Protein backbone atom coordinates (compact mmCIF):
# COMPACT_ATOMS: atom_id res chain seq x y z
CA MET A 1 0.02 0.12 0.00
CA LEU A 2 1.36 3.30 -0.90
CA LEU A 3 0.62 6.52 1.28
CA SER A 4 0.47 9.90 0.63
CA SER A 5 2.85 12.62 2.14
CA ARG A 6 -0.17 13.59 4.63
CA GLU A 7 -0.70 10.07 5.37
CA LYS A 8 3.00 9.44 6.17
CA ALA A 9 3.08 12.28 8.32
CA VAL A 10 0.45 11.04 10.32
CA VAL A 11 2.04 7.74 10.79
CA SER A 12 5.41 9.65 11.69
CA GLN A 13 3.33 11.50 14.46
CA GLN A 14 1.92 8.25 15.83
CA ALA A 15 5.39 6.72 15.85
CA GLY A 16 6.53 9.49 18.04
CA LEU A 17 8.73 11.31 15.55
CA ARG A 18 9.69 14.10 17.58
CA CYS A 19 11.09 11.62 20.66
CA SER A 20 14.70 12.46 20.69
CA ARG A 21 16.24 9.06 21.70
CA SER A 22 17.51 6.35 19.51
CA PRO A 23 14.93 3.72 20.32
CA CYS A 24 12.05 5.97 19.20
CA TRP A 25 14.10 6.78 15.79
CA LEU A 26 14.35 3.28 15.16
CA LEU A 27 10.52 2.39 15.73
CA LEU A 28 9.70 5.43 13.51
CA THR A 29 11.70 4.30 10.77
CA SER A 30 10.61 0.66 10.90
CA VAL A 31 7.01 1.94 10.66
CA LEU A 32 7.35 3.88 7.69
CA LEU A 33 9.49 1.45 5.96
CA SER A 34 6.89 -1.27 6.50
CA CYS A 35 3.99 1.11 5.36
CA THR A 36 5.43 2.76 2.15
CA THR A 37 7.34 1.57 -0.88
CA GLY A 38 8.34 3.12 -4.15
CA ARG A 39 8.44 6.64 -2.67
CA SER A 40 11.56 9.06 -2.87
CA TRP A 41 12.67 9.40 0.74
CA VAL A 42 14.99 12.08 -0.36
CA ASP A 43 12.15 14.22 -1.86
CA ASP A 44 10.27 13.71 1.31
CA GLY A 45 13.53 14.83 3.55
CA GLU A 46 13.81 17.72 1.62
CA GLN A 47 10.13 18.63 1.93
CA ALA A 48 10.40 18.06 5.60
CA LEU A 49 13.36 20.61 5.90
CA ARG A 50 11.14 23.25 3.85
CA GLU A 51 8.59 22.91 6.46
CA GLY A 52 11.23 23.36 9.44
CA SER A 53 10.87 19.84 10.68
CA LEU A 54 14.75 18.72 11.12
CA PRO A 55 13.96 15.39 13.02
CA GLN A 56 11.45 14.32 10.36
CA ALA A 57 13.89 15.14 7.38
CA ILE A 58 16.63 12.99 9.42
CA ALA A 59 14.05 9.88 9.67
CA TYR A 60 13.37 10.46 5.98
CA TYR A 61 17.13 10.48 4.94
CA GLU A 62 17.66 7.51 7.12
CA LEU A 63 15.24 5.47 5.35
CA ALA A 64 16.88 6.54 1.77
CA ALA A 65 20.39 5.50 3.28
CA ARG A 66 19.15 2.23 3.96
CA GLU A 67 17.51 1.71 0.70
CA GLN A 68 20.67 2.97 -1.07
CA PRO A 69 23.60 2.39 1.33
CA ASP A 70 26.18 2.69 -1.37
CA GLU A 71 24.88 6.30 -2.19
CA LEU A 72 27.54 8.82 -0.81
CA ALA A 73 25.40 11.76 -1.48
CA ILE A 74 22.75 10.46 0.73
CA ARG A 75 25.15 9.60 3.64
CA VAL A 76 26.93 13.06 3.52
CA ARG A 77 23.44 14.73 3.69
CA LEU A 78 22.28 12.72 6.35
CA ALA A 79 25.53 13.04 8.19
CA LEU A 80 25.20 16.97 7.86
CA LEU A 81 21.38 16.79 9.06
CA LEU A 82 22.40 14.86 12.14
CA ILE A 83 25.28 17.26 12.80
CA ARG A 84 22.83 20.19 12.48
CA ASP A 85 20.60 18.56 14.99
CA GLY A 86 23.48 17.63 17.39
CA GLU A 87 24.74 21.35 17.44
CA GLN A 88 21.07 22.49 18.10
CA ARG A 89 21.03 19.99 21.10
CA MET A 90 24.39 21.02 22.18
CA ARG A 91 23.29 24.91 22.37
CA ALA A 92 20.34 23.55 24.36
CA GLN A 93 22.79 21.97 27.01
CA ASP A 94 21.17 18.53 25.76
CA LEU A 95 24.80 17.25 25.67
CA SER A 96 24.15 13.42 25.79
CA ILE A 97 21.80 13.71 22.75
CA ALA A 98 24.25 15.87 21.23
CA ALA A 99 27.01 13.44 21.38
CA GLU A 100 24.64 10.48 20.44
CA ARG A 101 23.81 12.37 17.06
CA PHE A 102 27.28 13.03 16.45
CA ASP A 103 28.24 9.40 16.99
CA ARG A 104 25.37 8.46 14.27
CA ALA A 105 26.93 10.95 11.74
CA LYS A 106 30.32 9.42 12.34
CA ALA A 107 29.01 6.00 11.80
CA LEU A 108 28.17 6.95 8.17
CA GLY A 109 31.54 6.46 7.25
CA GLN A 110 34.56 9.01 6.88
CA GLU A 111 33.61 10.17 3.45
CA ALA A 112 30.39 11.70 5.02
CA VAL A 113 32.13 13.52 7.78
CA GLN A 114 35.57 14.51 6.78
CA SER A 115 35.51 18.00 7.69
CA ASP A 116 37.15 20.27 10.10
CA ALA A 117 33.99 21.98 11.00
CA PHE A 118 32.40 18.93 12.21
CA VAL A 119 35.80 18.25 14.32
CA ARG A 120 35.50 21.63 15.73
CA LEU A 121 31.75 21.00 16.81
CA GLN A 122 32.92 17.83 18.58
CA LEU A 123 35.71 19.75 20.34
CA GLU A 124 33.21 22.18 21.54
CA LEU A 125 31.04 19.43 22.91
CA ALA A 126 34.10 17.95 24.38
CA GLU A 127 34.85 21.12 26.39
CA LEU A 128 31.24 21.30 27.53
CA GLU A 129 31.33 17.90 28.66
CA ALA A 130 34.69 18.32 30.51
CA ALA A 131 36.05 15.29 28.34
CA ASP A 132 39.26 13.97 29.40
CA TRP A 133 42.36 15.32 27.64
CA PRO A 134 43.27 12.07 25.47
CA ALA A 135 39.86 12.23 24.13
CA ARG A 136 40.15 16.06 23.13
CA ALA A 137 43.60 15.37 21.72
CA LEU A 138 42.28 12.57 19.28
CA LEU A 139 40.02 15.10 18.07
CA LEU A 140 42.82 17.91 17.58
CA GLU A 141 44.86 15.35 15.98
CA SER A 142 42.03 14.64 13.26
CA LEU A 143 41.87 18.16 11.98
CA GLN A 144 43.20 18.27 8.54
CA ALA A 145 43.97 22.23 8.80
CA PRO A 146 45.08 22.76 12.30
CA THR A 147 45.74 26.15 13.28
CA GLU A 148 48.53 27.66 15.27
CA SER A 149 46.19 27.46 18.53
CA ASP A 150 45.34 23.92 17.92
CA LEU A 151 49.08 22.86 17.95
CA ARG A 152 50.05 24.74 20.67
CA GLU A 153 47.19 23.16 22.83
CA LEU A 154 48.42 19.77 21.72
CA ALA A 155 51.85 20.20 22.60
CA GLU A 156 51.00 21.63 25.98
CA GLY A 157 48.28 19.25 26.67
CA TRP A 158 50.59 16.08 25.78
CA ASP A 159 53.15 17.80 28.06
CA ARG A 160 50.84 17.90 30.86
CA ALA A 161 49.73 14.45 30.03
CA ARG A 162 53.47 13.41 30.37
CA GLU A 163 53.08 12.03 26.82
CA LEU A 164 56.63 13.67 25.89
CA ASP A 165 56.95 11.95 22.40
CA LYS A 166 53.42 13.05 21.44
CA ALA A 167 54.25 16.74 22.95
CA LEU A 168 57.55 16.73 20.92
CA SER A 169 55.62 15.68 17.58
CA ALA A 170 53.24 18.63 18.09
CA MET A 171 55.61 21.17 18.84
CA ALA A 172 57.79 20.16 15.72
CA ASN A 173 54.74 20.64 13.62
CA LEU A 174 53.98 24.05 15.22
CA ARG A 175 57.65 25.18 14.60
CA ALA A 176 57.19 24.24 10.80
CA LEU A 177 54.29 26.31 10.93
CA LEU A 178 56.26 29.38 12.82
CA PRO A 179 59.97 28.66 11.96
CA GLN A 180 60.90 32.05 12.79
CA GLU A 181 59.64 32.08 16.36
CA GLN A 182 62.42 31.68 18.86
CA SER A 183 60.19 31.16 22.05
CA LEU A 184 58.93 27.81 20.28
CA LEU A 185 62.46 26.69 19.70
CA LEU A 186 63.03 27.39 23.46
CA ARG A 187 59.97 25.63 24.40
CA HIS A 188 61.17 22.60 22.15
CA ALA A 189 64.19 22.41 23.75
CA GLN A 190 62.65 22.31 27.00
CA LEU A 191 60.62 19.63 26.11
CA PHE A 192 63.70 17.73 24.86
CA LEU A 193 65.13 18.42 28.43
CA GLU A 194 61.99 16.96 30.04
CA ALA A 195 62.36 13.86 27.79
CA GLU A 196 65.85 13.43 28.70
CA ARG A 197 66.94 13.83 25.03
CA TYR A 198 69.75 16.09 25.93
CA GLY A 199 71.80 16.22 22.42
CA GLU A 200 68.59 17.13 20.63
CA ALA A 201 68.05 20.07 22.82
CA VAL A 202 71.78 21.05 22.42
CA SER A 203 71.46 20.82 18.82
CA LEU A 204 68.50 23.19 18.73
CA LEU A 205 69.88 25.84 21.07
CA GLU A 206 73.73 25.68 20.20
CA PRO A 207 73.28 28.12 16.92
CA LEU A 208 71.56 30.42 19.13
CA LEU A 209 74.00 30.93 22.06
CA ALA A 210 75.57 34.48 21.10
CA GLY A 211 71.84 35.77 21.58
CA ASP A 212 70.63 37.98 24.55
CA SER A 213 67.94 35.67 25.90
CA VAL A 214 68.48 34.59 29.49
CA SER A 215 66.07 31.83 29.13
CA LEU A 216 68.06 30.35 26.17
CA GLN A 217 71.11 30.64 27.93
CA VAL A 218 70.00 28.85 31.20
CA THR A 219 68.20 26.13 29.14
CA ALA A 220 71.41 25.68 27.05
CA SER A 221 73.53 25.57 30.33
CA GLU A 222 71.37 22.69 31.61
CA ALA A 223 71.45 20.79 28.33
CA LEU A 224 75.20 21.09 28.13
CA ALA A 225 75.89 20.11 31.60
CA ALA A 226 73.65 16.90 31.03
CA VAL A 227 76.12 15.94 28.09
CA GLY A 228 79.16 16.54 29.99
CA ARG A 229 80.10 19.94 28.43
CA LEU A 230 80.64 21.84 31.72
CA ASP A 231 82.90 24.52 30.47
CA ASP A 232 80.28 25.40 27.70
CA ALA A 233 77.73 25.05 30.38
CA GLU A 234 79.52 27.63 32.62
CA GLN A 235 79.90 30.10 29.66
CA CYS A 236 76.33 30.24 29.13
CA LEU A 237 75.36 31.07 32.76
CA TRP A 238 78.13 33.59 32.89
CA ARG A 239 76.70 35.26 29.79
CA ALA A 240 73.04 35.07 31.32
CA ALA A 241 74.38 36.79 34.68
CA LYS A 242 76.18 39.65 32.39
CA LEU A 243 73.06 40.41 30.39
CA PHE A 244 71.55 41.87 33.52
CA PRO A 245 74.69 42.30 35.90
CA GLU A 246 72.88 44.24 38.52
CA GLN A 247 70.18 41.39 39.30
CA LEU A 248 71.40 38.75 41.83
CA GLY A 249 69.68 35.73 40.41
CA GLY A 250 72.26 35.16 37.50
CA TRP A 251 75.15 35.42 39.89
CA GLN A 252 73.24 33.11 42.09
CA ARG A 253 72.49 30.50 39.36
CA LEU A 254 76.05 30.56 38.25
CA LEU A 255 77.36 30.20 42.04
CA ALA A 256 75.07 27.37 42.48
CA PHE A 257 76.23 25.58 39.49
CA CYS A 258 79.92 26.43 40.21
CA GLU A 259 79.67 25.00 43.66
CA ALA A 260 77.65 21.58 42.57
CA HIS A 261 80.15 20.83 40.03
CA GLN A 262 83.11 21.93 42.35
CA ARG A 263 84.64 24.43 39.93
CA SER A 264 86.76 27.33 40.55
CA CYS A 265 84.31 29.76 38.95
CA ALA A 266 82.35 29.79 42.26
CA LYS A 267 85.01 32.10 43.72
CA ASP A 268 84.45 34.75 41.08
CA ALA A 269 80.52 34.13 41.35
CA HIS A 270 80.81 34.72 45.17
CA ALA A 271 82.78 37.98 44.49
CA GLN A 272 80.30 39.26 42.09
CA ILE A 273 77.53 38.96 44.70
CA GLU A 274 79.36 40.35 47.57
CA GLU A 275 80.07 43.27 45.41
CA ARG A 276 76.29 43.81 45.26
CA VAL A 277 74.99 42.95 48.41
CA GLY A 278 78.25 43.42 50.65
CA PRO A 279 80.32 40.77 52.43
CA ARG A 280 78.52 38.35 54.78
CA PRO A 281 78.33 39.06 58.37
CA THR A 282 81.37 37.65 60.36
CA ASP A 283 81.25 36.02 63.76
CA ALA A 284 83.67 38.52 65.28
CA LYS A 285 82.86 39.09 68.99
CA ARG A 286 81.44 42.45 69.95
CA PRO A 287 84.01 44.60 71.89
CA LEU A 288 83.27 44.73 75.61
CA ARG A 289 81.87 47.87 76.88
C-alpha cells in the first residue's frame, strides 16, 4: 500500500517522530518502511526541511540511506542533518543527545564527515562535557588544517599528560608552521630536556648561544651540562648573568652551578654577589663595653 505525504506524516506523528532518543527513531523508521514503498525518501526529507522539521527530515534520509547504502550523496546529506541537530542539542545543553547525534553521523563513514567544521563541533562538545585530555587530543589530531592555537594546545596538553613523544611531535609541527618564533624553539628544547633527550636540545640551542635571551642561555646550560660539556655550560651562565649584571639571580645561579660541579668559578661568582650585597656578616665578637 502506498501512502500520501499527508498519510505518512500522520504515521510519523503516531510513531513518535519528535522523540529525541534512539529507540524512538528506530521505531519510526521501521513503521514508515513497513507502510511505504516506491516513494522518494530524499524528496520527502527535503520537503520536511522546507517545513522546518529537522527530526522528520533525518528520519526520511535514514530510510533513503537504508535503501541505497552505497549512495555517498545521501550519507553525506544525512550526516550533515545529524550534525545540525547535534549542534542544536548542544546549544540547548542536551549534551548526551548531541553526542549521540555526532556518533550517528560518524557511523556513516569517513567520507560523510571529513570536515574540520564537524571536528570543531565535537571539540566544543568535549569542552562542554569536560572530556578528558586524550579524547580532546584525538579530535585535535584529526583536524586536516590545524591552526597555530590547535598545535599549541596539543603540545602543551600532551606535556601535561606526560606524553612527551607526542608533545615533541606536536611542537615540531608547530615550529614548521612558525619557524622564526624563537620562543617556540626554546619550548621545543625544554621538552627535549624533560624527555632527557639532551643532545637534541643542544643541537637546537647551540646556534643561538650568541643571543641575548637569559632563558635560552640557562636552558642551554642545563642541556650542555647533561651531556658533560661543563665548560660550555658555565659560559652560558656567565653570559646570562652579564645580560642583567645588577640582578642577583644570574650570579646566584652561576654560583650554584660552580659549587655543584666543584669548579673554580665559584670564587668569582661569590665575589660578584658580594659586590652587590656586601660581605657576609662575620662571627667576630662585639667589643666589651
